[in-house]
Protein backbone atom coordinates (compact mmCIF):
# COMPACT_ATOMS: atom_id res chain seq x y z
CA MET A 1 96.85 80.24 94.88
CA VAL A 2 94.37 82.09 98.01
CA ASP A 3 95.55 81.44 101.42
CA ALA A 4 92.98 79.85 103.57
CA GLU A 5 94.08 81.23 106.81
CA ARG A 6 93.82 84.66 105.74
CA GLY A 7 90.51 84.81 104.81
CA CYS A 8 90.39 86.30 101.26
CA THR A 9 93.34 87.68 101.33
CA VAL A 10 95.08 86.28 98.10
CA PRO A 11 99.60 86.52 98.87
CA VAL A 12 101.04 88.10 95.63
CA SER A 13 104.95 88.02 95.00
CA SER A 14 107.38 88.77 91.73
CA SER A 15 109.37 85.83 93.16
CA ARG A 16 106.48 83.31 92.76
CA GLY A 17 104.94 84.52 89.38
CA PRO A 18 101.46 84.79 88.38
CA THR A 19 98.62 84.33 90.45
CA TYR A 20 94.75 83.65 89.43
CA VAL A 21 91.55 84.20 91.04
CA PRO A 22 88.51 83.14 89.15
CA SER A 23 85.26 84.48 89.03
CA SER A 24 83.61 82.07 91.18
CA SER A 25 84.39 80.42 94.35
CA VAL A 26 82.18 77.19 95.78
CA GLY A 27 81.30 77.90 99.29
CA SER A 28 83.09 81.21 99.62
CA ALA A 29 81.76 85.03 100.63
CA CYS A 30 85.07 86.25 98.78
CA GLY A 31 84.89 88.41 95.84
CA THR A 32 81.32 89.85 96.71
CA PRO A 33 81.31 93.77 98.00
CA ALA A 34 80.27 92.69 101.56
CA GLN A 35 83.69 90.68 101.79
CA PRO A 36 86.37 91.55 98.36
CA TRP A 37 89.18 89.47 97.70
CA ILE A 38 92.11 91.43 98.92
CA VAL A 39 95.03 90.81 96.53
CA ASP A 40 98.50 91.71 98.43
CA ALA A 41 101.60 92.52 97.00
CA GLU A 42 104.67 92.92 98.83
CA PRO A 43 105.53 96.38 99.77
CA GLY A 44 107.53 98.00 97.24
CA GLN A 45 105.39 96.27 94.57
CA HIS A 46 103.06 97.13 92.10
CA LEU A 47 100.22 94.78 90.30
CA ASP A 48 99.62 94.18 87.22
CA VAL A 49 95.88 93.25 86.15
CA SER A 50 95.30 90.89 82.99
CA VAL A 51 91.60 88.97 82.51
CA VAL A 52 91.80 85.68 80.51
CA ASP A 53 87.98 86.02 79.33
CA PHE A 54 87.29 82.08 78.48
CA ALA A 55 83.94 82.76 76.78
CA ALA A 56 85.91 85.10 74.25
CA ALA A 57 86.52 82.39 71.56
CA ALA A 58 83.29 81.12 71.73
CA ARG A 59 81.68 84.28 71.24
CA ALA A 60 83.54 85.36 68.45
CA GLU A 61 82.71 82.05 66.58
CA ALA A 62 78.92 82.58 67.62
CA ASP A 63 79.20 86.30 66.35
CA GLY A 64 80.76 85.39 63.47
CA GLY A 65 83.91 87.37 64.32
CA ASN A 66 82.30 90.47 65.13
CA ALA A 67 81.43 89.39 69.24
CA ARG A 68 80.04 91.96 71.41
CA PRO A 69 81.65 92.51 74.61
CA PRO A 70 79.38 90.58 77.36
CA SER A 71 78.24 92.33 80.53
CA CYS A 72 80.76 93.16 82.70
CA PRO A 73 82.39 90.27 85.33
CA GLY A 74 83.66 92.26 88.33
CA TYR A 75 85.76 95.24 89.14
CA LEU A 76 88.91 96.07 91.09
CA LEU A 77 89.08 99.04 94.04
CA ASP A 78 92.37 100.49 94.02
CA SER A 79 93.42 102.63 97.00
CA ASP A 80 96.15 105.60 96.68
CA PRO A 81 98.80 104.66 99.20
CA ASN A 82 98.73 108.09 100.38
CA GLY A 83 95.15 107.90 101.33
CA VAL A 84 93.94 110.71 98.34
CA GLY A 85 91.59 108.18 97.29
CA ARG A 86 89.89 104.80 95.34
CA ARG A 87 90.04 104.18 92.03
CA ASN A 88 87.09 101.75 90.67
CA VAL A 89 88.53 99.80 87.42
CA SER A 90 86.43 97.77 85.28
CA LEU A 91 86.82 93.67 84.35
CA CYS A 92 84.87 93.90 81.24
CA PRO A 93 85.97 91.55 78.61
CA ASP A 94 86.09 93.45 74.98
CA GLY A 95 84.08 90.04 73.85
CA ARG A 96 87.24 89.54 71.29
CA GLN A 97 90.73 89.14 72.99
CA ARG A 98 91.00 85.82 75.26
CA GLU A 99 93.59 87.18 77.82
CA ARG A 100 93.50 90.99 78.10
CA ASP A 101 95.89 93.44 80.33
CA VAL A 102 93.61 95.45 82.35
CA TYR A 103 95.44 97.83 84.78
CA GLN A 104 98.28 98.81 86.95
CA SER A 105 97.79 99.33 90.09
CA VAL A 106 99.39 102.46 93.00
CA GLY A 107 100.46 100.71 95.39
CA HIS A 108 100.67 96.91 96.61
CA VAL A 109 97.08 96.16 98.09
CA ILE A 110 93.46 96.13 95.32
CA GLU A 111 90.47 95.14 96.11
CA LEU A 112 88.99 92.51 93.83
CA ILE A 113 84.95 92.03 93.28
CA THR A 114 84.20 89.11 90.71
CA SER A 115 80.17 88.45 92.04
CA GLY A 116 77.08 89.67 92.95
CA ASP A 117 76.04 90.40 96.95
CA GLN A 118 75.52 86.35 97.79
CA ALA A 119 77.73 83.83 98.38
CA VAL A 120 77.59 80.52 96.29
CA THR A 121 77.15 77.54 98.89
CA SER A 122 75.74 74.73 96.68
CA PRO A 123 77.85 73.05 94.06
CA ALA A 124 74.46 73.33 92.51
CA ASP A 125 74.11 77.10 92.02
CA GLN A 126 77.82 77.31 91.36
CA PRO A 127 78.26 79.55 88.05
CA ALA A 128 81.09 78.22 86.11
CA ALA A 129 83.83 80.13 86.41
CA THR A 130 83.89 82.64 82.93
CA PHE A 131 87.02 84.32 83.84
CA LEU A 132 90.50 84.30 85.60
CA VAL A 133 91.94 87.16 87.08
CA ARG A 134 95.41 86.90 86.83
CA PHE A 135 97.97 89.23 88.92
CA ASP A 136 101.70 89.88 88.50
CA GLY A 137 103.50 91.39 91.85
CA GLN A 138 106.35 93.77 90.16
CA GLN A 139 109.22 95.87 91.67
CA ILE A 140 108.58 99.31 91.48
CA GLN A 141 111.92 100.61 90.13
CA PRO A 142 113.02 103.70 91.75
CA PHE A 143 113.13 107.47 89.69
CA LEU A 144 116.58 108.33 89.20
CA VAL A 145 116.81 111.96 88.31
CA TYR A 146 120.08 113.29 87.57
CA ILE A 147 121.05 116.93 87.50
CA LEU A 148 123.96 117.79 85.63
CA TYR A 149 125.86 120.87 85.78
C-alpha cells in the first residue's frame, strides 16, 4: 500500500502485516535515484526486507535448473539512526529462489531505488513488474542485561 498523499512514502507497521512495493509504477517518478521510495516503519521498529522475484521460476526452467542471476533490479539505502553512515544493499535475485530474505534495517526508515533515472509516463513504455519488495515492520526487542552478584 502506497500513501498517495505522502508522495513516495510507504508506511509500514507491524500491526498491519507486510507491505509490498512493485519494481515499476506507471506515471510515477517514485523509485528513481532522484526520488526514491521512502519506506517508513513506526519508531521503535525495524524493517525486514524480502524480494519476490516473478521471473525466477521461468529462468530456472529455461536454464535447466542452473539459472544464473540476472542483473540487479534495485537497491536499498539504509542510514544509521545515529548519523554514522549509510549502507547500500543490493536487491539482486539469486536466479533460483522466488522469495528471498535480503536485509534487516538498522533503523525504521529505508530508501528504495527500483528503477533508473527516468519516470515511466506511459503504459506503453512501462516494463512489466519483475519483482516486488516486501517490507515487514518488526518491534525492536529491548536487550536486557542481567548482572549476577
